[in-house]
PDB file of N, CA and C in Angstrom:
ATOM      1  N   MET A   1       1.704  25.109  -4.078  1.00  0.00           N
ATOM      2  CA  MET A   1       2.959  24.984  -4.011  1.00  0.00           C
ATOM      3  C   MET A   1       3.180  23.226  -3.012  1.00  0.00           C
ATOM      4  N   ILE A   2       2.752  23.139  -2.240  1.00  0.00           N
ATOM      5  CA  ILE A   2       2.661  21.706  -1.523  1.00  0.00           C
ATOM      6  C   ILE A   2       1.853  20.677  -2.103  1.00  0.00           C
ATOM      7  N   GLY A   3       1.004  21.106  -2.793  1.00  0.00           N
ATOM      8  CA  GLY A   3       0.093  20.062  -4.009  1.00  0.00           C
ATOM      9  C   GLY A   3       1.422  19.768  -5.162  1.00  0.00           C
ATOM     10  N   GLU A   4       2.058  20.573  -5.766  1.00  0.00           N
ATOM     11  CA  GLU A   4       3.271  20.354  -6.805  1.00  0.00           C
ATOM     12  C   GLU A   4       4.059  19.716  -6.130  1.00  0.00           C
ATOM     13  N   HIS A   5       4.824  19.778  -5.144  1.00  0.00           N
ATOM     14  CA  HIS A   5       5.719  18.918  -4.571  1.00  0.00           C
ATOM     15  C   HIS A   5       5.315  17.790  -4.959  1.00  0.00           C
ATOM     16  N   LEU A   6       4.122  17.514  -3.886  1.00  0.00           N
ATOM     17  CA  LEU A   6       3.591  16.044  -3.817  1.00  0.00           C
ATOM     18  C   LEU A   6       3.475  15.637  -5.284  1.00  0.00           C
ATOM     19  N   ARG A   7       3.187  16.090  -5.942  1.00  0.00           N
ATOM     20  CA  ARG A   7       2.860  15.434  -7.565  1.00  0.00           C
ATOM     21  C   ARG A   7       4.126  14.898  -7.869  1.00  0.00           C
ATOM     22  N   ILE A   8       5.231  15.870  -7.852  1.00  0.00           N
ATOM     23  CA  ILE A   8       6.651  15.511  -8.152  1.00  0.00           C
ATOM     24  C   ILE A   8       6.919  14.101  -7.779  1.00  0.00           C
ATOM     25  N   ALA A   9       6.353  14.171  -6.335  1.00  0.00           N
ATOM     26  CA  ALA A   9       7.459  12.928  -5.326  1.00  0.00           C
ATOM     27  C   ALA A   9       6.343  11.831  -5.800  1.00  0.00           C
ATOM     28  N   ALA A  10       5.303  11.751  -6.052  1.00  0.00           N
ATOM     29  CA  ALA A  10       4.242  10.439  -6.493  1.00  0.00           C
ATOM     30  C   ALA A  10       5.127  10.131  -8.043  1.00  0.00           C
ATOM     31  N   GLY A  11       5.800  11.259  -8.940  1.00  0.00           N
ATOM     32  CA  GLY A  11       6.069  10.826 -10.457  1.00  0.00           C
ATOM     33  C   GLY A  11       7.247  10.134 -10.055  1.00  0.00           C
ATOM     34  N   ALA A  12       8.086  10.522  -9.108  1.00  0.00           N
ATOM     35  CA  ALA A  12       9.895  10.252  -9.181  1.00  0.00           C
ATOM     36  C   ALA A  12       9.530   8.553  -8.540  1.00  0.00           C
ATOM     37  N   CYS A  13       8.383   8.638  -7.774  1.00  0.00           N
ATOM     38  CA  CYS A  13       7.947   7.089  -7.567  1.00  0.00           C
ATOM     39  C   CYS A  13       7.367   5.910  -9.015  1.00  0.00           C
ATOM     40  N   TRP A  14       6.913   6.520  -9.642  1.00  0.00           N
ATOM     41  CA  TRP A  14       6.090   5.949 -10.931  1.00  0.00           C
ATOM     42  C   TRP A  14       7.432   4.930 -11.681  1.00  0.00           C
ATOM     43  N   PRO A  15       8.657   5.750 -12.087  1.00  0.00           N
ATOM     44  CA  PRO A  15       9.477   4.372 -12.499  1.00  0.00           C
ATOM     45  C   PRO A  15       9.947   2.838 -11.575  1.00  0.00           C
ATOM     46  N   VAL A  16       9.565   3.107 -10.382  1.00  0.00           N
ATOM     47  CA  VAL A  16      10.287   1.962  -9.887  1.00  0.00           C
ATOM     48  C   VAL A  16       8.816   0.804  -9.441  1.00  0.00           C
ATOM     49  N   LEU A  17       7.680   1.303 -10.185  1.00  0.00           N
ATOM     50  CA  LEU A  17       6.514   0.730 -10.338  1.00  0.00           C
ATOM     51  C   LEU A  17       6.460  -1.053 -10.812  1.00  0.00           C
ATOM     52  N   PRO A  18       7.180  -0.641 -11.878  1.00  0.00           N
ATOM     53  CA  PRO A  18       7.399  -2.078 -12.866  1.00  0.00           C
ATOM     54  C   PRO A  18       8.236  -3.143 -12.067  1.00  0.00           C
ATOM     55  N   SER A  19       9.284  -2.633 -11.175  1.00  0.00           N
ATOM     56  CA  SER A  19      10.155  -3.687 -10.406  1.00  0.00           C
ATOM     57  C   SER A  19       9.005  -3.979  -8.847  1.00  0.00           C
ATOM     58  N   VAL A  20       8.538  -3.618  -8.555  1.00  0.00           N
ATOM     59  CA  VAL A  20       7.542  -3.834  -7.284  1.00  0.00           C
ATOM     60  C   VAL A  20       6.298  -4.497  -7.569  1.00  0.00           C
ATOM     61  N   HIS A  21       5.761  -4.262  -9.052  1.00  0.00           N
ATOM     62  CA  HIS A  21       5.015  -5.526  -9.323  1.00  0.00           C
ATOM     63  C   HIS A  21       5.387  -6.813  -9.596  1.00  0.00           C
ATOM     64  N   ALA A  22       7.103  -6.399 -10.228  1.00  0.00           N
ATOM     65  CA  ALA A  22       7.420  -8.445 -10.891  1.00  0.00           C
ATOM     66  C   ALA A  22       7.973  -8.590  -9.351  1.00  0.00           C
ATOM     67  N   SER A  23       8.611  -8.164  -8.530  1.00  0.00           N
ATOM     68  CA  SER A  23       8.751  -8.556  -7.218  1.00  0.00           C
ATOM     69  C   SER A  23       7.301  -9.698  -6.814  1.00  0.00           C
ATOM     70  N   CYS A  24       6.131  -8.810  -6.774  1.00  0.00           N
ATOM     71  CA  CYS A  24       4.967  -9.161  -6.051  1.00  0.00           C
ATOM     72  C   CYS A  24       4.851 -10.492  -6.749  1.00  0.00           C
ATOM     73  N   SER A  25       4.642 -10.164  -7.846  1.00  0.00           N
ATOM     74  CA  SER A  25       3.910 -11.334  -8.991  1.00  0.00           C
ATOM     75  C   SER A  25       5.218 -12.697  -8.542  1.00  0.00           C
ATOM     76  N   ALA A  26       6.318 -12.548  -8.568  1.00  0.00           N
ATOM     77  CA  ALA A  26       7.020 -13.555  -7.927  1.00  0.00           C
ATOM     78  C   ALA A  26       7.124 -14.042  -6.845  1.00  0.00           C
ATOM     79  N   TYR A  27       6.615 -13.392  -5.943  1.00  0.00           N
ATOM     80  CA  TYR A  27       6.320 -13.764  -4.251  1.00  0.00           C
ATOM     81  C   TYR A  27       4.909 -14.261  -4.396  1.00  0.00           C
ATOM     82  N   ALA A  28       4.371 -14.500  -5.166  1.00  0.00           N
ATOM     83  CA  ALA A  28       2.850 -14.893  -5.764  1.00  0.00           C
ATOM     84  C   ALA A  28       2.713 -16.187  -5.708  1.00  0.00           C
ATOM     85  N   MET A  29       3.992 -16.522  -7.119  1.00  0.00           N
ATOM     86  CA  MET A  29       4.750 -17.714  -7.252  1.00  0.00           C
ATOM     87  C   MET A  29       4.847 -18.439  -6.486  1.00  0.00           C
ATOM     88  N   THR A  30       5.150 -18.158  -4.803  1.00  0.00           N
ATOM     89  CA  THR A  30       5.509 -18.926  -4.014  1.00  0.00           C
ATOM     90  C   THR A  30       4.537 -20.070  -3.075  1.00  0.00           C
ATOM     91  N   ASP A  31       5.307 -20.666  -2.378  1.00  0.00           N
ATOM     92  CA  ASP A  31       4.620 -21.146  -1.623  1.00  0.00           C
ATOM     93  C   ASP A  31       4.112 -20.524   0.097  1.00  0.00           C
ATOM     94  N   ILE A  32       4.848 -19.393   0.543  1.00  0.00           N
ATOM     95  CA  ILE A  32       4.727 -18.423   1.636  1.00  0.00           C
ATOM     96  C   ILE A  32       3.248 -18.191   1.667  1.00  0.00           C
ATOM     97  N   ASP A  33       2.923 -18.140   3.125  1.00  0.00           N
ATOM     98  CA  ASP A  33       1.844 -17.647   3.913  1.00  0.00           C
ATOM     99  C   ASP A  33       1.543 -16.026   3.949  1.00  0.00           C
ATOM    100  N   VAL A  34       2.803 -15.209   4.292  1.00  0.00           N
ATOM    101  CA  VAL A  34       2.285 -14.066   4.961  1.00  0.00           C
ATOM    102  C   VAL A  34       3.589 -13.860   4.020  1.00  0.00           C
ATOM    103  N   MET A  35       2.849 -12.241   3.541  1.00  0.00           N
ATOM    104  CA  MET A  35       4.278 -11.625   3.686  1.00  0.00           C
ATOM    105  C   MET A  35       4.257 -10.368   4.107  1.00  0.00           C
ATOM    106  N   VAL A  36       5.466  -9.627   4.529  1.00  0.00           N
ATOM    107  CA  VAL A  36       5.566  -8.952   5.417  1.00  0.00           C
ATOM    108  C   VAL A  36       5.889  -7.780   4.707  1.00  0.00           C
ATOM    109  N   THR A  37       4.757  -6.288   4.563  1.00  0.00           N
ATOM    110  CA  THR A  37       5.724  -5.465   3.715  1.00  0.00           C
ATOM    111  C   THR A  37       5.511  -4.340   4.728  1.00  0.00           C
ATOM    112  N   HIS A  38       6.416  -2.648   4.186  1.00  0.00           N
ATOM    113  CA  HIS A  38       5.932  -1.934   5.106  1.00  0.00           C
ATOM    114  C   HIS A  38       6.230  -0.324   4.432  1.00  0.00           C
ATOM    115  N   ASP A  39       5.841   0.560   4.633  1.00  0.00           N
ATOM    116  CA  ASP A  39       5.477   1.374   4.235  1.00  0.00           C
ATOM    117  C   ASP A  39       5.656   2.745   5.130  1.00  0.00           C
ATOM    118  N   ASP A  40       6.595   3.726   4.705  1.00  0.00           N
ATOM    119  CA  ASP A  40       6.477   5.036   5.677  1.00  0.00           C
ATOM    120  C   ASP A  40       5.732   5.862   5.439  1.00  0.00           C
ATOM    121  N   ILE A  41       4.329   5.626   5.659  1.00  0.00           N
ATOM    122  CA  ILE A  41       2.878   6.413   5.357  1.00  0.00           C
ATOM    123  C   ILE A  41       2.378   7.601   5.981  1.00  0.00           C
ATOM    124  N   CYS A  42       3.341   7.253   7.525  1.00  0.00           N
ATOM    125  CA  CYS A  42       3.119   8.191   8.606  1.00  0.00           C
ATOM    126  C   CYS A  42       3.759   8.500   9.846  1.00  0.00           C
ATOM    127  N   PHE A  43       4.051   9.770  10.288  1.00  0.00           N
ATOM    128  CA  PHE A  43       4.470  10.433  11.322  1.00  0.00           C
ATOM    129  C   PHE A  43       3.757   9.621  12.641  1.00  0.00           C
ATOM    130  N   ALA A  44       4.556  10.511  13.286  1.00  0.00           N
ATOM    131  CA  ALA A  44       4.028  10.184  14.746  1.00  0.00           C
ATOM    132  C   ALA A  44       2.634  10.999  14.859  1.00  0.00           C
ATOM    133  N   SER A  45       2.814  12.216  14.471  1.00  0.00           N
ATOM    134  CA  SER A  45       1.747  13.296  14.141  1.00  0.00           C
ATOM    135  C   SER A  45       0.801  12.759  13.808  1.00  0.00           C
ATOM    136  N   GLY A  46       0.432  12.190  12.682  1.00  0.00           N
ATOM    137  CA  GLY A  46      -0.150  11.495  12.173  1.00  0.00           C
ATOM    138  C   GLY A  46       0.305  11.064  10.355  1.00  0.00           C
ATOM    139  N   PRO A  47      -0.560  10.999   9.193  1.00  0.00           N
ATOM    140  CA  PRO A  47      -0.303  10.745   8.153  1.00  0.00           C
ATOM    141  C   PRO A  47       0.848  11.876   7.506  1.00  0.00           C
ATOM    142  N   VAL A  48       1.758  11.133   6.754  1.00  0.00           N
ATOM    143  CA  VAL A  48       2.630  12.295   6.038  1.00  0.00           C
ATOM    144  C   VAL A  48       1.733  12.850   5.178  1.00  0.00           C
ATOM    145  N   CYS A  49       1.098  12.452   4.240  1.00  0.00           N
ATOM    146  CA  CYS A  49       0.174  13.152   3.303  1.00  0.00           C
ATOM    147  C   CYS A  49      -1.434  12.930   3.804  1.00  0.00           C
ATOM    148  N   SER A  50      -2.355  13.864   3.094  1.00  0.00           N
ATOM    149  CA  SER A  50      -3.980  13.791   3.637  1.00  0.00           C
ATOM    150  C   SER A  50      -4.081  12.353   3.461  1.00  0.00           C
ATOM    151  N   PRO A  51      -5.265  12.127   4.145  1.00  0.00           N
ATOM    152  CA  PRO A  51      -5.354  10.479   3.370  1.00  0.00           C
ATOM    153  C   PRO A  51      -6.428  10.746   2.258  1.00  0.00           C
ATOM    154  N   ARG A  52      -7.145  11.687   1.983  1.00  0.00           N
ATOM    155  CA  ARG A  52      -7.604  11.733   0.426  1.00  0.00           C
ATOM    156  C   ARG A  52      -6.237  11.902  -0.321  1.00  0.00           C
ATOM    157  N   TRP A  53      -5.010  12.347  -0.331  1.00  0.00           N
ATOM    158  CA  TRP A  53      -4.331  11.992  -1.052  1.00  0.00           C
ATOM    159  C   TRP A  53      -3.474  10.294  -1.197  1.00  0.00           C
ATOM    160  N   LEU A  54      -3.643   9.757   0.171  1.00  0.00           N
ATOM    161  CA  LEU A  54      -2.986   8.462  -0.211  1.00  0.00           C
ATOM    162  C   LEU A  54      -4.317   8.058  -0.676  1.00  0.00           C
ATOM    163  N   ARG A  55      -5.397   7.711  -0.533  1.00  0.00           N
ATOM    164  CA  ARG A  55      -6.296   7.351  -1.110  1.00  0.00           C
ATOM    165  C   ARG A  55      -6.371   7.261  -2.341  1.00  0.00           C
ATOM    166  N   GLU A  56      -6.356   8.606  -3.073  1.00  0.00           N
ATOM    167  CA  GLU A  56      -6.134   8.795  -4.773  1.00  0.00           C
ATOM    168  C   GLU A  56      -4.641   8.384  -5.549  1.00  0.00           C
ATOM    169  N   ASN A  57      -3.972   8.481  -4.569  1.00  0.00           N
ATOM    170  CA  ASN A  57      -2.092   8.132  -5.449  1.00  0.00           C
ATOM    171  C   ASN A  57      -1.569   6.906  -4.181  1.00  0.00           C
ATOM    172  N   VAL A  58      -1.959   6.303  -3.443  1.00  0.00           N
ATOM    173  CA  VAL A  58      -0.866   5.228  -2.987  1.00  0.00           C
ATOM    174  C   VAL A  58      -2.186   3.823  -2.570  1.00  0.00           C
ATOM    175  N   TYR A  59      -2.775   4.295  -2.506  1.00  0.00           N
ATOM    176  CA  TYR A  59      -4.043   2.760  -2.028  1.00  0.00           C
ATOM    177  C   TYR A  59      -4.042   2.267  -3.458  1.00  0.00           C
ATOM    178  N   PRO A  60      -4.475   2.806  -4.455  1.00  0.00           N
ATOM    179  CA  PRO A  60      -4.301   1.851  -5.848  1.00  0.00           C
ATOM    180  C   PRO A  60      -3.358   1.011  -5.994  1.00  0.00           C
ATOM    181  N   TYR A  61      -2.434   1.123  -5.735  1.00  0.00           N
ATOM    182  CA  TYR A  61      -1.059   0.318  -6.065  1.00  0.00           C
ATOM    183  C   TYR A  61      -0.995  -0.386  -4.934  1.00  0.00           C
ATOM    184  N   TYR A  62      -1.464  -0.083  -3.261  1.00  0.00           N
ATOM    185  CA  TYR A  62      -1.142  -1.359  -2.541  1.00  0.00           C
ATOM    186  C   TYR A  62      -2.190  -2.237  -2.735  1.00  0.00           C
ATOM    187  N   GLU A  63      -3.586  -1.940  -3.613  1.00  0.00           N
ATOM    188  CA  GLU A  63      -4.707  -3.155  -3.731  1.00  0.00           C
ATOM    189  C   GLU A  63      -4.012  -3.792  -4.685  1.00  0.00           C
ATOM    190  N   GLU A  64      -3.072  -3.090  -5.692  1.00  0.00           N
ATOM    191  CA  GLU A  64      -3.045  -3.761  -6.683  1.00  0.00           C
ATOM    192  C   GLU A  64      -1.654  -5.054  -6.587  1.00  0.00           C
ATOM    193  N   PHE A  65      -1.048  -4.705  -5.829  1.00  0.00           N
ATOM    194  CA  PHE A  65       0.294  -5.327  -5.276  1.00  0.00           C
ATOM    195  C   PHE A  65       0.062  -6.420  -4.475  1.00  0.00           C
ATOM    196  N   PHE A  66      -0.957  -5.927  -3.073  1.00  0.00           N
ATOM    197  CA  PHE A  66      -1.327  -6.955  -2.704  1.00  0.00           C
ATOM    198  C   PHE A  66      -2.381  -7.683  -3.034  1.00  0.00           C
ATOM    199  N   GLY A  67      -3.122  -7.613  -3.794  1.00  0.00           N
ATOM    200  CA  GLY A  67      -3.859  -8.447  -4.890  1.00  0.00           C
ATOM    201  C   GLY A  67      -3.836  -9.416  -5.305  1.00  0.00           C
ATOM    202  N   LEU A  68      -2.399  -9.513  -5.779  1.00  0.00           N
ATOM    203  CA  LEU A  68      -1.370 -10.682  -6.762  1.00  0.00           C
ATOM    204  C   LEU A  68      -1.370 -11.493  -5.336  1.00  0.00           C
ATOM    205  N   MET A  69      -0.835 -11.055  -3.949  1.00  0.00           N
ATOM    206  CA  MET A  69      -0.817 -11.891  -2.465  1.00  0.00           C
ATOM    207  C   MET A  69      -2.372 -12.613  -2.677  1.00  0.00           C
ATOM    208  N   ARG A  70      -3.175 -11.624  -2.237  1.00  0.00           N
ATOM    209  CA  ARG A  70      -4.256 -12.406  -1.744  1.00  0.00           C
ATOM    210  C   ARG A  70      -4.948 -13.301  -3.078  1.00  0.00           C
ATOM    211  N   ASP A  71      -4.909 -13.065  -4.289  1.00  0.00           N
ATOM    212  CA  ASP A  71      -5.344 -14.263  -5.370  1.00  0.00           C
ATOM    213  C   ASP A  71      -4.668 -15.429  -5.196  1.00  0.00           C
ATOM    214  N   GLN A  72      -3.871 -15.560  -4.445  1.00  0.00           N
ATOM    215  CA  GLN A  72      -3.099 -16.664  -4.432  1.00  0.00           C
ATOM    216  C   GLN A  72      -2.897 -17.276  -2.746  1.00  0.00           C
ATOM    217  N   GLY A  73      -4.041 -16.543  -1.761  1.00  0.00           N
ATOM    218  CA  GLY A  73      -4.478 -17.321  -0.610  1.00  0.00           C
ATOM    219  C   GLY A  73      -3.019 -16.557   0.125  1.00  0.00           C
ATOM    220  N   ILE A  74      -2.089 -16.147  -0.147  1.00  0.00           N
ATOM    221  CA  ILE A  74      -1.563 -15.097   0.981  1.00  0.00           C
ATOM    222  C   ILE A  74      -1.216 -14.387   1.275  1.00  0.00           C
ATOM    223  N   SER A  75      -1.809 -14.070   2.960  1.00  0.00           N
ATOM    224  CA  SER A  75      -2.403 -12.844   3.374  1.00  0.00           C
ATOM    225  C   SER A  75      -0.503 -11.965   3.742  1.00  0.00           C
ATOM    226  N   VAL A  76      -1.165 -11.111   3.861  1.00  0.00           N
ATOM    227  CA  VAL A  76      -0.564  -9.219   3.324  1.00  0.00           C
ATOM    228  C   VAL A  76      -0.402  -8.859   4.827  1.00  0.00           C
ATOM    229  N   LEU A  77       0.253  -8.739   5.705  1.00  0.00           N
ATOM    230  CA  LEU A  77       0.681  -8.028   6.784  1.00  0.00           C
ATOM    231  C   LEU A  77       1.663  -6.848   6.911  1.00  0.00           C
ATOM    232  N   PHE A  78       0.884  -5.938   6.676  1.00  0.00           N
ATOM    233  CA  PHE A  78       1.268  -4.315   5.972  1.00  0.00           C
ATOM    234  C   PHE A  78       1.401  -3.392   7.848  1.00  0.00           C
ATOM    235  N   ILE A  79       2.687  -2.891   7.573  1.00  0.00           N
ATOM    236  CA  ILE A  79       3.420  -1.978   8.804  1.00  0.00           C
ATOM    237  C   ILE A  79       3.701  -0.943   8.018  1.00  0.00           C
ATOM    238  N   THR A  80       3.184  -0.005   9.342  1.00  0.00           N
ATOM    239  CA  THR A  80       3.857   1.943   8.858  1.00  0.00           C
ATOM    240  C   THR A  80       4.359   2.082  10.435  1.00  0.00           C
ATOM    241  N   ASP A  81       5.043   3.426  10.086  1.00  0.00           N
ATOM    242  CA  ASP A  81       5.683   3.639  11.345  1.00  0.00           C
ATOM    243  C   ASP A  81       4.656   4.484  12.167  1.00  0.00           C
ATOM    244  N   GLY A  82       4.533   5.380  12.620  1.00  0.00           N
ATOM    245  CA  GLY A  82       3.972   6.583  13.304  1.00  0.00           C
ATOM    246  C   GLY A  82       2.934   6.303  14.043  1.00  0.00           C
ATOM    247  N   ASN A  83       1.801   7.258  13.507  1.00  0.00           N
ATOM    248  CA  ASN A  83       0.652   7.431  14.173  1.00  0.00           C
ATOM    249  C   ASN A  83      -0.393   6.834  12.770  1.00  0.00           C
ATOM    250  N   ALA A  84      -0.767   5.690  12.583  1.00  0.00           N
ATOM    251  CA  ALA A  84      -2.067   5.611  11.781  1.00  0.00           C
ATOM    252  C   ALA A  84      -3.071   5.964  12.215  1.00  0.00           C
ATOM    253  N   ASP A  85      -3.711   6.363  13.009  1.00  0.00           N
ATOM    254  CA  ASP A  85      -4.975   6.265  13.542  1.00  0.00           C
ATOM    255  C   ASP A  85      -6.008   7.222  12.408  1.00  0.00           C
ATOM    256  N   ASN A  86      -5.565   8.370  11.405  1.00  0.00           N
ATOM    257  CA  ASN A  86      -6.243   8.834  10.608  1.00  0.00           C
ATOM    258  C   ASN A  86      -6.729   8.023   9.122  1.00  0.00           C
ATOM    259  N   VAL A  87      -5.790   7.073   9.047  1.00  0.00           N
ATOM    260  CA  VAL A  87      -5.783   6.074   8.046  1.00  0.00           C
ATOM    261  C   VAL A  87      -5.913   4.720   8.268  1.00  0.00           C
ATOM    262  N   ALA A  88      -6.611   4.306   9.171  1.00  0.00           N
ATOM    263  CA  ALA A  88      -6.158   2.881   9.745  1.00  0.00           C
ATOM    264  C   ALA A  88      -7.346   2.040   9.141  1.00  0.00           C
ATOM    265  N   ASP A  89      -8.449   2.936   8.843  1.00  0.00           N
ATOM    266  CA  ASP A  89      -9.784   2.122   8.581  1.00  0.00           C
ATOM    267  C   ASP A  89      -9.285   2.374   6.573  1.00  0.00           C
ATOM    268  N   ASP A  90      -8.787   2.903   6.379  1.00  0.00           N
ATOM    269  CA  ASP A  90      -8.366   2.963   4.687  1.00  0.00           C
ATOM    270  C   ASP A  90      -7.700   1.605   4.242  1.00  0.00           C
ATOM    271  N   LEU A  91      -6.827   1.563   5.579  1.00  0.00           N
ATOM    272  CA  LEU A  91      -5.864   0.748   5.157  1.00  0.00           C
ATOM    273  C   LEU A  91      -6.367  -0.933   5.201  1.00  0.00           C
ATOM    274  N   ALA A  92      -7.552  -0.764   6.426  1.00  0.00           N
ATOM    275  CA  ALA A  92      -7.972  -2.011   6.483  1.00  0.00           C
ATOM    276  C   ALA A  92      -9.053  -2.120   5.222  1.00  0.00           C
ATOM    277  N   ARG A  93      -9.502  -1.684   4.537  1.00  0.00           N
ATOM    278  CA  ARG A  93     -10.304  -1.257   3.265  1.00  0.00           C
ATOM    279  C   ARG A  93      -8.907  -2.354   1.988  1.00  0.00           C
ATOM    280  N   VAL A  94      -8.255  -1.746   1.719  1.00  0.00           N
ATOM    281  CA  VAL A  94      -7.289  -2.176   0.730  1.00  0.00           C
ATOM    282  C   VAL A  94      -7.170  -3.271   0.395  1.00  0.00           C
ATOM    283  N   ARG A  95      -7.587  -4.232  -0.428  1.00  0.00           N
ATOM    284  CA  ARG A  95      -7.292  -5.725  -0.540  1.00  0.00           C
ATOM    285  C   ARG A  95      -7.767  -5.721  -2.299  1.00  0.00           C
ATOM    286  N   GLY A  96      -6.581  -5.821  -2.658  1.00  0.00           N
ATOM    287  CA  GLY A  96      -6.209  -6.296  -4.168  1.00  0.00           C
ATOM    288  C   GLY A  96      -7.437  -5.580  -5.129  1.00  0.00           C
ATOM    289  N   GLY A  97      -8.003  -4.510  -4.874  1.00  0.00           N
ATOM    290  CA  GLY A  97      -9.019  -4.088  -5.700  1.00  0.00           C
ATOM    291  C   GLY A  97     -10.287  -4.221  -5.500  1.00  0.00           C
ATOM    292  N   ARG A  98     -10.368  -4.926  -3.967  1.00  0.00           N
ATOM    293  CA  ARG A  98     -11.643  -5.317  -3.407  1.00  0.00           C
ATOM    294  C   ARG A  98     -12.214  -4.586  -2.023  1.00  0.00           C
ATOM    295  N   LEU A  99     -12.589  -3.592  -2.384  1.00  0.00           N
ATOM    296  CA  LEU A  99     -12.782  -2.664  -1.142  1.00  0.00           C
ATOM    297  C   LEU A  99     -13.700  -2.727  -0.306  1.00  0.00           C
ATOM    298  N   GLY A 100     -13.768  -3.185   0.952  1.00  0.00           N
ATOM    299  CA  GLY A 100     -14.622  -3.582   2.037  1.00  0.00           C
ATOM    300  C   GLY A 100     -14.431  -4.597   2.686  1.00  0.00           C
ATOM    301  N   GLU A 101     -13.722  -5.696   1.553  1.00  0.00           N
ATOM    302  CA  GLU A 101     -12.842  -6.974   2.606  1.00  0.00           C
ATOM    303  C   GLU A 101     -11.417  -6.532   3.515  1.00  0.00           C
ATOM    304  N   ARG A 102     -11.112  -7.241   4.398  1.00  0.00           N
ATOM    305  CA  ARG A 102     -10.150  -6.865   5.184  1.00  0.00           C
ATOM    306  C   ARG A 102      -9.341  -7.497   4.180  1.00  0.00           C
ATOM    307  N   ALA A 103      -8.431  -6.842   4.163  1.00  0.00           N
ATOM    308  CA  ALA A 103      -7.011  -6.742   3.743  1.00  0.00           C
ATOM    309  C   ALA A 103      -5.882  -7.210   4.649  1.00  0.00           C
ATOM    310  N   PHE A 104      -6.029  -7.063   6.113  1.00  0.00           N
ATOM    311  CA  PHE A 104      -4.501  -7.713   6.663  1.00  0.00           C
ATOM    312  C   PHE A 104      -4.831  -8.160   8.158  1.00  0.00           C
ATOM    313  N   HIS A 105      -4.372  -9.609   8.569  1.00  0.00           N
ATOM    314  CA  HIS A 105      -4.847 -10.307   9.287  1.00  0.00           C
ATOM    315  C   HIS A 105      -3.962  -9.972  10.529  1.00  0.00           C
TER     316      HIS A 105
END
């Protein structure tokens, strides 16, 4: 049941992805040095969803969108509320589709 609710929630986000991509593309054409972005992926007790679900359904979009910035030499400062201890390593690996390189400064 919870899995189905998460699939529905993820599906509700898909219509906004083109506008997020367009916004990131526009920022990538500017002369900014740093882009600050935020996503509420954690509660005080830990991630909103399982780390596996985030890896499968959220981080690929981060990699795509943040990659647009990184490809232009723009650093990405990502902020989340709550306790990100269980996802910090995953977040550190998100980098425009090139896992293993640090994305955040």
